[in-house]
C-alpha atoms as a PDB file:
ATOM      1  CA  MET A   1     -55.981  14.095  38.479  1.00  0.00           C
ATOM      2  CA  THR A   2     -59.223  15.877  39.648  1.00  0.00           C
ATOM      3  CA  ILE A   3     -61.521  15.349  42.298  1.00  0.00           C
ATOM      4  CA  ALA A   4     -65.023  16.598  42.728  1.00  0.00           C
ATOM      5  CA  VAL A   5     -66.050  19.619  44.397  1.00  0.00           C
ATOM      6  CA  ARG A   6     -69.586  20.819  45.104  1.00  0.00           C
ATOM      7  CA  PHE A   7     -69.707  25.153  44.507  1.00  0.00           C
ATOM      8  CA  PRO A   8     -72.052  27.195  46.148  1.00  0.00           C
ATOM      9  CA  ASP A   9     -74.388  27.591  43.272  1.00  0.00           C
ATOM     10  CA  GLY A  10     -75.001  23.273  43.742  1.00  0.00           C
ATOM     11  CA  SER A  11     -72.524  22.446  40.591  1.00  0.00           C
ATOM     12  CA  ILE A  12     -70.216  20.148  40.875  1.00  0.00           C
ATOM     13  CA  GLN A  13     -66.587  20.311  38.977  1.00  0.00           C
ATOM     14  CA  ASN A  14     -63.830  18.194  38.876  1.00  0.00           C
ATOM     15  CA  VAL A  15     -60.826  20.453  39.892  1.00  0.00           C
ATOM     16  CA  PRO A  16     -56.953  19.809  40.151  1.00  0.00           C
ATOM     17  CA  ALA A  17     -55.960  17.667  42.842  1.00  0.00           C
ATOM     18  CA  GLN A  18     -53.018  15.978  44.440  1.00  0.00           C
ATOM     19  CA  LEU A  19     -52.006  12.792  46.431  1.00  0.00           C
ATOM     20  CA  ARG A  20     -51.621  13.521  50.258  1.00  0.00           C
ATOM     21  CA  GLU A  21     -50.305  10.789  52.464  1.00  0.00           C
ATOM     22  CA  ILE A  22     -52.452   9.966  55.494  1.00  0.00           C
ATOM     23  CA  SER A  23     -50.624   9.839  58.529  1.00  0.00           C
ATOM     24  CA  ASP A  24     -50.498   6.561  60.050  1.00  0.00           C
ATOM     25  CA  SER A  25     -49.075   6.221  63.473  1.00  0.00           C
ATOM     26  CA  SER A  26     -49.250   2.492  63.970  1.00  0.00           C
ATOM     27  CA  GLY A  27     -45.594   2.579  62.653  1.00  0.00           C
ATOM     28  CA  SER A  28     -43.313   2.796  59.730  1.00  0.00           C
ATOM     29  CA  LYS A  29     -43.662  -0.846  58.396  1.00  0.00           C
ATOM     30  CA  VAL A  30     -47.378  -0.166  57.283  1.00  0.00           C
ATOM     31  CA  THR A  31     -47.671   0.718  53.714  1.00  0.00           C
ATOM     32  CA  PRO A  32     -48.419   4.388  53.432  1.00  0.00           C
ATOM     33  CA  ARG A  33     -51.898   5.629  52.293  1.00  0.00           C
ATOM     34  CA  PHE A  34     -52.756   8.191  50.402  1.00  0.00           C
ATOM     35  CA  GLU A  35     -55.830  10.467  49.620  1.00  0.00           C
ATOM     36  CA  ARG A  36     -56.894  12.744  46.852  1.00  0.00           C
ATOM     37  CA  VAL A  37     -57.195  16.383  47.991  1.00  0.00           C
ATOM     38  CA  PRO A  38     -57.773  19.496  45.870  1.00  0.00           C
ATOM     39  CA  LEU A  39     -55.172  21.667  45.249  1.00  0.00           C
ATOM     40  CA  ASN A  40     -55.265  25.091  46.826  1.00  0.00           C
ATOM     41  CA  CYS A  41     -54.159  27.030  43.761  1.00  0.00           C
ATOM     42  CA  ASP A  42     -57.202  28.959  42.937  1.00  0.00           C
ATOM     43  CA  SER A  43     -57.333  32.471  43.484  1.00  0.00           C
ATOM     44  CA  ASN A  44     -61.245  32.890  43.810  1.00  0.00           C
ATOM     45  CA  TRP A  45     -62.139  29.640  45.804  1.00  0.00           C
ATOM     46  CA  THR A  46     -60.864  27.966  48.922  1.00  0.00           C
ATOM     47  CA  PHE A  47     -61.895  24.137  49.283  1.00  0.00           C
ATOM     48  CA  HIS A  48     -63.033  22.676  52.675  1.00  0.00           C
ATOM     49  CA  ARG A  49     -63.754  18.981  53.419  1.00  0.00           C
ATOM     50  CA  HIS A  50     -67.316  18.102  55.419  1.00  0.00           C
ATOM     51  CA  GLY A  51     -67.163  13.942  55.861  1.00  0.00           C
ATOM     52  CA  GLU A  52     -66.463  12.667  52.553  1.00  0.00           C
ATOM     53  CA  ASN A  53     -67.137  15.661  50.582  1.00  0.00           C
ATOM     54  CA  TRP A  54     -65.169  18.528  49.100  1.00  0.00           C
ATOM     55  CA  TYR A  55     -66.881  22.103  49.057  1.00  0.00           C
ATOM     56  CA  ALA A  56     -65.512  25.262  47.432  1.00  0.00           C
ATOM     57  CA  MET A  57     -65.935  28.615  49.428  1.00  0.00           C
ATOM     58  CA  PRO A  58     -65.199  32.056  48.045  1.00  0.00           C
ATOM     59  CA  ARG A  59     -61.792  32.907  49.097  1.00  0.00           C
ATOM     60  CA  SER A  60     -61.526  35.916  51.340  1.00  0.00           C
ATOM     61  CA  GLY A  61     -58.552  38.347  51.299  1.00  0.00           C
ATOM     62  CA  SER A  62     -56.417  38.577  48.373  1.00  0.00           C
ATOM     63  CA  LEU A  63     -53.196  36.601  47.112  1.00  0.00           C
ATOM     64  CA  SER A  64     -49.743  38.449  46.258  1.00  0.00           C
ATOM     65  CA  ALA A  65     -46.960  36.943  43.890  1.00  0.00           C
ATOM     66  CA  LEU A  66     -43.831  36.476  45.883  1.00  0.00           C
ATOM     67  CA  ARG A  67     -40.921  38.490  44.740  1.00  0.00           C
ATOM     68  CA  PRO A  68     -36.863  37.585  45.437  1.00  0.00           C
ATOM     69  CA  VAL A  69     -35.678  39.567  48.487  1.00  0.00           C
ATOM     70  CA  VAL A  70     -32.514  39.325  46.372  1.00  0.00           C
ATOM     71  CA  ALA A  71     -31.148  39.725  42.468  1.00  0.00           C
ATOM     72  CA  GLU A  72     -31.051  36.760  40.795  1.00  0.00           C
ATOM     73  CA  TRP A  73     -27.523  34.983  40.851  1.00  0.00           C
ATOM     74  CA  TRP A  74     -27.107  35.234  36.835  1.00  0.00           C
ATOM     75  CA  ARG A  75     -27.639  38.998  37.016  1.00  0.00           C
ATOM     76  CA  SER A  76     -23.794  39.494  37.203  1.00  0.00           C
ATOM     77  CA  VAL A  77     -23.072  37.254  34.444  1.00  0.00           C
ATOM     78  CA  ALA A  78     -22.775  39.381  31.423  1.00  0.00           C
ATOM     79  CA  HIS A  79     -23.344  36.537  29.058  1.00  0.00           C
ATOM     80  CA  MET A  80     -26.836  35.621  30.985  1.00  0.00           C
ATOM     81  CA  GLU A  81     -28.330  39.090  30.759  1.00  0.00           C
ATOM     82  CA  ASP A  82     -31.437  38.998  28.403  1.00  0.00           C
ATOM     83  CA  ASP A  83     -29.786  41.902  26.443  1.00  0.00           C
ATOM     84  CA  ALA A  84     -26.503  40.611  26.325  1.00  0.00           C
ATOM     85  CA  GLY A  85     -27.061  39.675  22.368  1.00  0.00           C
ATOM     86  CA  LYS A  86     -28.468  42.972  21.755  1.00  0.00           C
ATOM     87  CA  ALA A  87     -25.407  45.131  22.882  1.00  0.00           C
ATOM     88  CA  VAL A  88     -24.795  48.211  20.853  1.00  0.00           C
ATOM     89  CA  GLY A  89     -21.864  50.535  20.815  1.00  0.00           C
ATOM     90  CA  PRO A  90     -18.396  49.878  21.489  1.00  0.00           C
ATOM     91  CA  ALA A  91     -18.887  46.716  23.625  1.00  0.00           C
ATOM     92  CA  LYS A  92     -20.404  45.328  20.534  1.00  0.00           C
ATOM     93  CA  THR A  93     -18.122  46.398  18.269  1.00  0.00           C
ATOM     94  CA  ALA A  94     -15.030  44.932  20.413  1.00  0.00           C
ATOM     95  CA  ARG A  95     -16.646  41.813  20.786  1.00  0.00           C
ATOM     96  CA  GLY A  96     -17.082  41.650  16.720  1.00  0.00           C
ATOM     97  CA  GLN A  97     -13.562  42.670  16.021  1.00  0.00           C
ATOM     98  CA  ARG A  98     -12.418  39.846  18.426  1.00  0.00           C
ATOM     99  CA  GLN A  99     -14.814  37.304  16.516  1.00  0.00           C
ATOM    100  CA  ARG A 100     -13.583  38.206  13.065  1.00  0.00           C
ATOM    101  CA  GLN A 101      -9.808  38.317  14.619  1.00  0.00           C
ATOM    102  CA  ARG A 102     -10.411  34.629  15.755  1.00  0.00           C
ATOM    103  CA  SER A 103     -12.220  33.373  12.755  1.00  0.00           C
ATOM    104  CA  GLY A 104      -9.094  34.962  10.283  1.00  0.00           C
ATOM    105  CA  TRP A 105     -11.576  37.508   8.708  1.00  0.00           C
ATOM    106  CA  GLY A 106     -10.395  40.617  10.300  1.00  0.00           C
ATOM    107  CA  ASN A 107      -6.749  40.049   8.776  1.00  0.00           C
ATOM    108  CA  ALA A 108      -7.676  40.410   4.694  1.00  0.00           C
ATOM    109  CA  ALA A 109      -6.510  43.340   3.020  1.00  0.00           C
END
């Protein structure tokens, strides 16, 4: 879903939009109404309404990616690490021996 937005150079472009509920103070028994509004996800532009029209304005400042404060919970689970399958050394050797013993291949003489 998109909505037409006028940019500073005079061009009109369709940008991604979302539906936002229009708050209605008349009561909860009324069917909710929605309006299309531009998604505020562009790092270069912010969108403002003037009357019925939407206008793009250059964004001032900067955006920063949010970083998690704590380590992800799955980091403590050895099998869920990205490099768990690439283990080398004694850990991989022991794991391979256990798998061969379970499959019966380790007992061949």
